[in-house]
Amino acid sequence: EDDLKQQKKMSMQHLKKVQKSHPNPLEVQVAQAFADLETTVQDLRKDLAALKFLSAREIDVTATKKAIVVVVPYIYLTQFRKIQSKLIRELEKKFSGRHVVFIANRKIIKKPAKRSAVKMQKRPYSRTVTAVHTAILEDLVHPTEIVKKRTRVRSDCSKQIRVFLDPKEQSNVEHKTDTYSAVYKRLTGKDVAFEFPAHM
């Protein structure tokens, strides 16, 4: 029993909940998976020990396919990216049939109203909607590089972002592009299609 308590305590060290809210069942599972990998996968042990995540949730990709979105504190993003490919591979083995993506927690600051009487500090570009949505896109596909982007206006005037990914990574990520599109749509409300340019 003491071993079980110790194991649970160790797994929950990886979860950093805001405002002391209770973790959902998926967050408990992800925290446990982090702890398991920390103890069983030598390559991840050192880097994973210090890492925490803020939340985890499931998103429907298709009627039969789901993805797990893990939100991490922005200050840990660089450390996560060092081991992200390996960590995702190991987590996807544990959550069979579900893709796993990591997104950094970023805050959007609204554009101040023109008639606002209060003199506000200039909003940093990194906190604008455009910058945050671009960063989410980069988080989703990391470590694959985005080589260019285009916005397509459809006949009904709706917009779709066309994102061209590094063709060298096509065999590694092509099976995940539906997941990337579904997660991006859920987080930003924007349609995105991923392609691989034939010639660079």
C-alpha atoms as a PDB file:
ATOM      1  CA  GLU A   1       0.000   0.000   0.000  1.00  0.00           C
ATOM      2  CA  ASP A   2       2.847   2.397   0.839  1.00  0.00           C
ATOM      3  CA  ASP A   3       4.422   1.592  -2.526  1.00  0.00           C
ATOM      4  CA  LEU A   4       1.136   2.437  -4.253  1.00  0.00           C
ATOM      5  CA  LYS A   5       0.894   5.773  -2.434  1.00  0.00           C
ATOM      6  CA  GLN A   6       4.495   6.574  -3.327  1.00  0.00           C
ATOM      7  CA  GLN A   7       3.880   5.668  -6.960  1.00  0.00           C
ATOM      8  CA  LYS A   8       0.770   7.875  -7.118  1.00  0.00           C
ATOM      9  CA  LYS A   9       2.632  10.760  -5.487  1.00  0.00           C
ATOM     10  CA  MET A  10       5.476  10.405  -7.978  1.00  0.00           C
ATOM     11  CA  SER A  11       3.136  10.349 -10.974  1.00  0.00           C
ATOM     12  CA  MET A  12       1.198  13.432  -9.817  1.00  0.00           C
ATOM     13  CA  GLN A  13       4.436  15.427  -9.511  1.00  0.00           C
ATOM     14  CA  HIS A  14       4.299  15.714 -13.306  1.00  0.00           C
ATOM     15  CA  LEU A  15       0.901  17.441 -13.233  1.00  0.00           C
ATOM     16  CA  LYS A  16       0.799  21.133 -12.412  1.00  0.00           C
ATOM     17  CA  LYS A  17      -2.853  22.062 -12.041  1.00  0.00           C
ATOM     18  CA  VAL A  18      -3.866  25.706 -12.006  1.00  0.00           C
ATOM     19  CA  GLN A  19      -6.000  26.996  -9.110  1.00  0.00           C
ATOM     20  CA  LYS A  20      -5.852  23.620  -7.329  1.00  0.00           C
ATOM     21  CA  SER A  21      -8.545  22.165  -9.584  1.00  0.00           C
ATOM     22  CA  HIS A  22      -8.943  18.399  -9.517  1.00  0.00           C
ATOM     23  CA  PRO A  23      -7.301  16.410 -12.325  1.00  0.00           C
ATOM     24  CA  ASN A  24      -9.609  14.632 -14.756  1.00  0.00           C
ATOM     25  CA  PRO A  25      -9.155  10.850 -15.322  1.00  0.00           C
ATOM     26  CA  LEU A  26      -7.135  11.404 -18.513  1.00  0.00           C
ATOM     27  CA  GLU A  27      -4.734  13.773 -16.729  1.00  0.00           C
ATOM     28  CA  VAL A  28      -4.168  11.127 -14.056  1.00  0.00           C
ATOM     29  CA  GLN A  29      -3.424   8.567 -16.783  1.00  0.00           C
ATOM     30  CA  VAL A  30      -0.996  10.904 -18.571  1.00  0.00           C
ATOM     31  CA  ALA A  31       0.764  11.743 -15.273  1.00  0.00           C
ATOM     32  CA  GLN A  32       1.073   8.016 -14.555  1.00  0.00           C
ATOM     33  CA  ALA A  33       2.446   7.402 -18.060  1.00  0.00           C
ATOM     34  CA  PHE A  34       5.080  10.133 -17.490  1.00  0.00           C
ATOM     35  CA  ALA A  35       6.098   8.482 -14.207  1.00  0.00           C
ATOM     36  CA  ASP A  36       6.237   5.015 -15.825  1.00  0.00           C
ATOM     37  CA  LEU A  37       8.429   6.271 -18.667  1.00  0.00           C
ATOM     38  CA  GLU A  38      10.662   8.114 -16.229  1.00  0.00           C
ATOM     39  CA  THR A  39      11.411   4.842 -14.438  1.00  0.00           C
ATOM     40  CA  THR A  40      11.508   2.464 -17.436  1.00  0.00           C
ATOM     41  CA  VAL A  41      12.989   4.384 -20.397  1.00  0.00           C
ATOM     42  CA  GLN A  42      16.617   5.257 -19.775  1.00  0.00           C
ATOM     43  CA  ASP A  43      16.791   7.844 -22.603  1.00  0.00           C
ATOM     44  CA  LEU A  44      13.935   9.869 -21.086  1.00  0.00           C
ATOM     45  CA  ARG A  45      14.685   9.546 -17.378  1.00  0.00           C
ATOM     46  CA  LYS A  46      16.897  12.588 -16.831  1.00  0.00           C
ATOM     47  CA  ASP A  47      14.902  15.050 -18.967  1.00  0.00           C
ATOM     48  CA  LEU A  48      11.443  13.824 -17.988  1.00  0.00           C
ATOM     49  CA  ALA A  49      12.066  13.993 -14.231  1.00  0.00           C
ATOM     50  CA  ALA A  50      11.818  17.795 -14.139  1.00  0.00           C
ATOM     51  CA  LEU A  51       8.937  18.230 -16.602  1.00  0.00           C
ATOM     52  CA  LYS A  52       5.331  19.065 -15.770  1.00  0.00           C
ATOM     53  CA  PHE A  53       2.174  19.518 -17.818  1.00  0.00           C
ATOM     54  CA  LEU A  54      -0.884  21.677 -17.087  1.00  0.00           C
ATOM     55  CA  SER A  55      -3.751  19.708 -18.591  1.00  0.00           C
ATOM     56  CA  ALA A  56      -4.739  16.915 -20.963  1.00  0.00           C
ATOM     57  CA  ARG A  57      -7.912  16.380 -22.954  1.00  0.00           C
ATOM     58  CA  GLU A  58      -9.259  14.233 -25.754  1.00  0.00           C
ATOM     59  CA  ILE A  59     -10.356  15.645 -29.093  1.00  0.00           C
ATOM     60  CA  ASP A  60     -12.361  13.771 -31.743  1.00  0.00           C
ATOM     61  CA  VAL A  61     -10.447  13.513 -35.015  1.00  0.00           C
ATOM     62  CA  THR A  62     -13.012  11.284 -36.780  1.00  0.00           C
ATOM     63  CA  ALA A  63     -15.976   9.247 -35.565  1.00  0.00           C
ATOM     64  CA  THR A  64     -13.594   6.456 -34.564  1.00  0.00           C
ATOM     65  CA  LYS A  65     -10.301   8.263 -33.918  1.00  0.00           C
ATOM     66  CA  LYS A  66      -9.318  10.479 -30.981  1.00  0.00           C
ATOM     67  CA  ALA A  67      -6.235  12.532 -30.135  1.00  0.00           C
ATOM     68  CA  ILE A  68      -4.803  13.536 -26.771  1.00  0.00           C
ATOM     69  CA  VAL A  69      -3.774  17.181 -26.409  1.00  0.00           C
ATOM     70  CA  VAL A  70      -1.287  17.788 -23.601  1.00  0.00           C
ATOM     71  CA  VAL A  71      -0.818  21.441 -22.595  1.00  0.00           C
ATOM     72  CA  VAL A  72       2.564  22.266 -21.091  1.00  0.00           C
ATOM     73  CA  PRO A  73       3.835  25.410 -19.320  1.00  0.00           C
ATOM     74  CA  TYR A  74       5.568  27.701 -21.826  1.00  0.00           C
ATOM     75  CA  ILE A  75       8.735  27.770 -19.694  1.00  0.00           C
ATOM     76  CA  TYR A  76       9.125  24.001 -20.209  1.00  0.00           C
ATOM     77  CA  LEU A  77       8.591  24.060 -23.988  1.00  0.00           C
ATOM     78  CA  THR A  78      12.286  23.959 -24.958  1.00  0.00           C
ATOM     79  CA  GLN A  79      12.912  21.050 -22.582  1.00  0.00           C
ATOM     80  CA  PHE A  80       9.887  19.159 -23.930  1.00  0.00           C
ATOM     81  CA  ARG A  81      11.050  19.688 -27.508  1.00  0.00           C
ATOM     82  CA  LYS A  82      14.409  18.053 -26.722  1.00  0.00           C
ATOM     83  CA  ILE A  83      12.664  14.727 -26.087  1.00  0.00           C
ATOM     84  CA  GLN A  84       9.326  15.289 -27.822  1.00  0.00           C
ATOM     85  CA  SER A  85       9.676  12.780 -30.695  1.00  0.00           C
ATOM     86  CA  LYS A  86      10.730   9.954 -28.379  1.00  0.00           C
ATOM     87  CA  LEU A  87       8.194  10.924 -25.683  1.00  0.00           C
ATOM     88  CA  ILE A  88       5.308  10.981 -28.175  1.00  0.00           C
ATOM     89  CA  ARG A  89       6.296   7.569 -29.561  1.00  0.00           C
ATOM     90  CA  GLU A  90       6.337   6.074 -26.065  1.00  0.00           C
ATOM     91  CA  LEU A  91       3.063   7.729 -24.997  1.00  0.00           C
ATOM     92  CA  GLU A  92       1.288   6.582 -28.166  1.00  0.00           C
ATOM     93  CA  LYS A  93       2.276   3.001 -27.332  1.00  0.00           C
ATOM     94  CA  LYS A  94       0.581   3.430 -23.945  1.00  0.00           C
ATOM     95  CA  PHE A  95      -2.513   5.174 -25.372  1.00  0.00           C
ATOM     96  CA  SER A  96      -2.907   2.768 -28.287  1.00  0.00           C
ATOM     97  CA  GLY A  97      -4.866   4.099 -31.219  1.00  0.00           C
ATOM     98  CA  ARG A  98      -4.628   7.743 -30.121  1.00  0.00           C
ATOM     99  CA  HIS A  99      -2.192  10.343 -31.394  1.00  0.00           C
ATOM    100  CA  VAL A 100      -0.563  12.591 -28.779  1.00  0.00           C
ATOM    101  CA  VAL A 101       0.293  16.260 -29.370  1.00  0.00           C
ATOM    102  CA  PHE A 102       1.948  18.843 -27.136  1.00  0.00           C
ATOM    103  CA  ILE A 103       0.918  22.505 -27.057  1.00  0.00           C
ATOM    104  CA  ALA A 104       2.515  25.250 -24.958  1.00  0.00           C
ATOM    105  CA  ASN A 105       0.224  27.367 -22.799  1.00  0.00           C
ATOM    106  CA  ARG A 106       0.125  30.877 -24.266  1.00  0.00           C
ATOM    107  CA  LYS A 107      -2.016  33.868 -23.366  1.00  0.00           C
ATOM    108  CA  ILE A 108      -3.768  36.049 -25.935  1.00  0.00           C
ATOM    109  CA  ILE A 109      -4.157  39.709 -24.956  1.00  0.00           C
ATOM    110  CA  LYS A 110      -7.133  41.353 -26.637  1.00  0.00           C
ATOM    111  CA  LYS A 111      -6.610  44.392 -28.790  1.00  0.00           C
ATOM    112  CA  PRO A 112      -7.428  47.482 -26.684  1.00  0.00           C
ATOM    113  CA  ALA A 113     -10.548  49.375 -27.738  1.00  0.00           C
ATOM    114  CA  LYS A 114      -9.770  52.528 -29.722  1.00  0.00           C
ATOM    115  CA  ARG A 115     -11.935  54.677 -27.458  1.00  0.00           C
ATOM    116  CA  SER A 116     -10.552  53.221 -24.250  1.00  0.00           C
ATOM    117  CA  ALA A 117      -9.872  56.008 -21.753  1.00  0.00           C
ATOM    118  CA  VAL A 118      -7.260  53.920 -19.961  1.00  0.00           C
ATOM    119  CA  LYS A 119      -3.775  54.238 -21.439  1.00  0.00           C
ATOM    120  CA  MET A 120      -2.693  50.626 -21.872  1.00  0.00           C
ATOM    121  CA  GLN A 121       0.784  49.259 -22.267  1.00  0.00           C
ATOM    122  CA  LYS A 122       1.603  48.274 -25.855  1.00  0.00           C
ATOM    123  CA  ARG A 123       0.557  44.682 -26.484  1.00  0.00           C
ATOM    124  CA  PRO A 124       3.518  42.398 -27.285  1.00  0.00           C
ATOM    125  CA  TYR A 125       3.209  40.770 -30.729  1.00  0.00           C
ATOM    126  CA  SER A 126       3.689  37.332 -29.153  1.00  0.00           C
ATOM    127  CA  ARG A 127       0.367  37.813 -27.304  1.00  0.00           C
ATOM    128  CA  THR A 128      -1.692  38.641 -30.404  1.00  0.00           C
ATOM    129  CA  VAL A 129      -4.193  36.152 -31.841  1.00  0.00           C
ATOM    130  CA  THR A 130      -2.115  35.810 -35.027  1.00  0.00           C
ATOM    131  CA  ALA A 131       1.124  35.072 -33.175  1.00  0.00           C
ATOM    132  CA  VAL A 132      -0.460  32.588 -30.754  1.00  0.00           C
ATOM    133  CA  HIS A 133      -2.297  30.718 -33.531  1.00  0.00           C
ATOM    134  CA  THR A 134       0.944  30.539 -35.572  1.00  0.00           C
ATOM    135  CA  ALA A 135       2.790  29.209 -32.520  1.00  0.00           C
ATOM    136  CA  ILE A 136       0.100  26.536 -31.933  1.00  0.00           C
ATOM    137  CA  LEU A 137       0.594  25.381 -35.526  1.00  0.00           C
ATOM    138  CA  GLU A 138       4.361  25.108 -34.977  1.00  0.00           C
ATOM    139  CA  ASP A 139       3.833  23.229 -31.685  1.00  0.00           C
ATOM    140  CA  LEU A 140       1.497  20.747 -33.379  1.00  0.00           C
ATOM    141  CA  VAL A 141       3.866  19.701 -36.151  1.00  0.00           C
ATOM    142  CA  HIS A 142       7.167  19.930 -34.250  1.00  0.00           C
ATOM    143  CA  PRO A 143       9.837  18.760 -35.085  1.00  0.00           C
ATOM    144  CA  THR A 144       8.624  18.923 -38.711  1.00  0.00           C
ATOM    145  CA  GLU A 145       9.367  22.288 -40.293  1.00  0.00           C
ATOM    146  CA  ILE A 146       6.677  24.445 -41.911  1.00  0.00           C
ATOM    147  CA  VAL A 147       8.170  25.558 -45.237  1.00  0.00           C
ATOM    148  CA  LYS A 148       5.375  27.905 -46.333  1.00  0.00           C
ATOM    149  CA  LYS A 149       1.752  28.881 -45.704  1.00  0.00           C
ATOM    150  CA  ARG A 150      -1.042  30.117 -47.948  1.00  0.00           C
ATOM    151  CA  THR A 151      -4.578  31.268 -47.169  1.00  0.00           C
ATOM    152  CA  ARG A 152      -7.207  30.039 -49.600  1.00  0.00           C
ATOM    153  CA  VAL A 153     -10.584  31.748 -49.876  1.00  0.00           C
ATOM    154  CA  ARG A 154     -13.284  29.256 -50.823  1.00  0.00           C
ATOM    155  CA  SER A 155     -16.287  30.010 -53.038  1.00  0.00           C
ATOM    156  CA  ASP A 156     -18.469  30.496 -49.934  1.00  0.00           C
ATOM    157  CA  CYS A 157     -15.948  33.123 -48.690  1.00  0.00           C
ATOM    158  CA  SER A 158     -14.719  30.889 -45.860  1.00  0.00           C
ATOM    159  CA  LYS A 159     -10.966  30.648 -45.430  1.00  0.00           C
ATOM    160  CA  GLN A 160      -8.645  27.683 -45.251  1.00  0.00           C
ATOM    161  CA  ILE A 161      -4.976  27.840 -44.316  1.00  0.00           C
ATOM    162  CA  ARG A 162      -2.775  25.623 -46.492  1.00  0.00           C
ATOM    163  CA  VAL A 163       0.351  24.585 -44.610  1.00  0.00           C
ATOM    164  CA  PHE A 164       3.229  23.027 -46.524  1.00  0.00           C
ATOM    165  CA  LEU A 165       5.431  20.750 -44.435  1.00  0.00           C
ATOM    166  CA  ASP A 166       8.985  19.628 -45.094  1.00  0.00           C
ATOM    167  CA  PRO A 167       8.635  16.791 -47.665  1.00  0.00           C
ATOM    168  CA  LYS A 168      11.580  14.957 -46.070  1.00  0.00           C
ATOM    169  CA  GLU A 169       9.273  14.238 -43.111  1.00  0.00           C
ATOM    170  CA  GLN A 170       6.294  13.096 -45.201  1.00  0.00           C
ATOM    171  CA  SER A 171       6.623   9.383 -44.372  1.00  0.00           C
ATOM    172  CA  ASN A 172       6.846  10.195 -40.634  1.00  0.00           C
ATOM    173  CA  VAL A 173       3.917  12.604 -40.279  1.00  0.00           C
ATOM    174  CA  GLU A 174       1.530  12.147 -43.204  1.00  0.00           C
ATOM    175  CA  HIS A 175      -0.637   9.759 -41.148  1.00  0.00           C
ATOM    176  CA  LYS A 176      -1.027  12.493 -38.498  1.00  0.00           C
ATOM    177  CA  THR A 177      -2.185  15.412 -40.636  1.00  0.00           C
ATOM    178  CA  ASP A 178      -5.901  14.680 -39.952  1.00  0.00           C
ATOM    179  CA  THR A 179      -5.111  14.878 -36.240  1.00  0.00           C
ATOM    180  CA  TYR A 180      -3.250  18.180 -36.658  1.00  0.00           C
ATOM    181  CA  SER A 181      -6.207  19.664 -38.610  1.00  0.00           C
ATOM    182  CA  ALA A 182      -8.803  18.516 -36.065  1.00  0.00           C
ATOM    183  CA  VAL A 183      -6.826  19.770 -33.064  1.00  0.00           C
ATOM    184  CA  TYR A 184      -6.060  23.132 -34.702  1.00  0.00           C
ATOM    185  CA  LYS A 185      -9.732  23.617 -35.628  1.00  0.00           C
ATOM    186  CA  ARG A 186     -10.816  22.802 -32.062  1.00  0.00           C
ATOM    187  CA  LEU A 187      -8.271  25.164 -30.479  1.00  0.00           C
ATOM    188  CA  THR A 188      -8.532  28.121 -32.889  1.00  0.00           C
ATOM    189  CA  GLY A 189     -11.751  27.663 -34.889  1.00  0.00           C
ATOM    190  CA  LYS A 190      -9.710  27.847 -38.134  1.00  0.00           C
ATOM    191  CA  ASP A 191      -9.604  25.337 -40.982  1.00  0.00           C
ATOM    192  CA  VAL A 192      -6.175  24.088 -41.973  1.00  0.00           C
ATOM    193  CA  ALA A 193      -4.986  21.595 -44.587  1.00  0.00           C
ATOM    194  CA  PHE A 194      -1.495  20.101 -44.566  1.00  0.00           C
ATOM    195  CA  GLU A 195       0.423  19.336 -47.752  1.00  0.00           C
ATOM    196  CA  PHE A 196       3.913  18.311 -48.800  1.00  0.00           C
ATOM    197  CA  PRO A 197       5.368  20.305 -51.704  1.00  0.00           C
ATOM    198  CA  ALA A 198       6.590  18.076 -54.506  1.00  0.00           C
ATOM    199  CA  HIS A 199       9.597  20.254 -55.313  1.00  0.00           C
ATOM    200  CA  MET A 200      11.606  22.397 -52.946  1.00  0.00           C
END
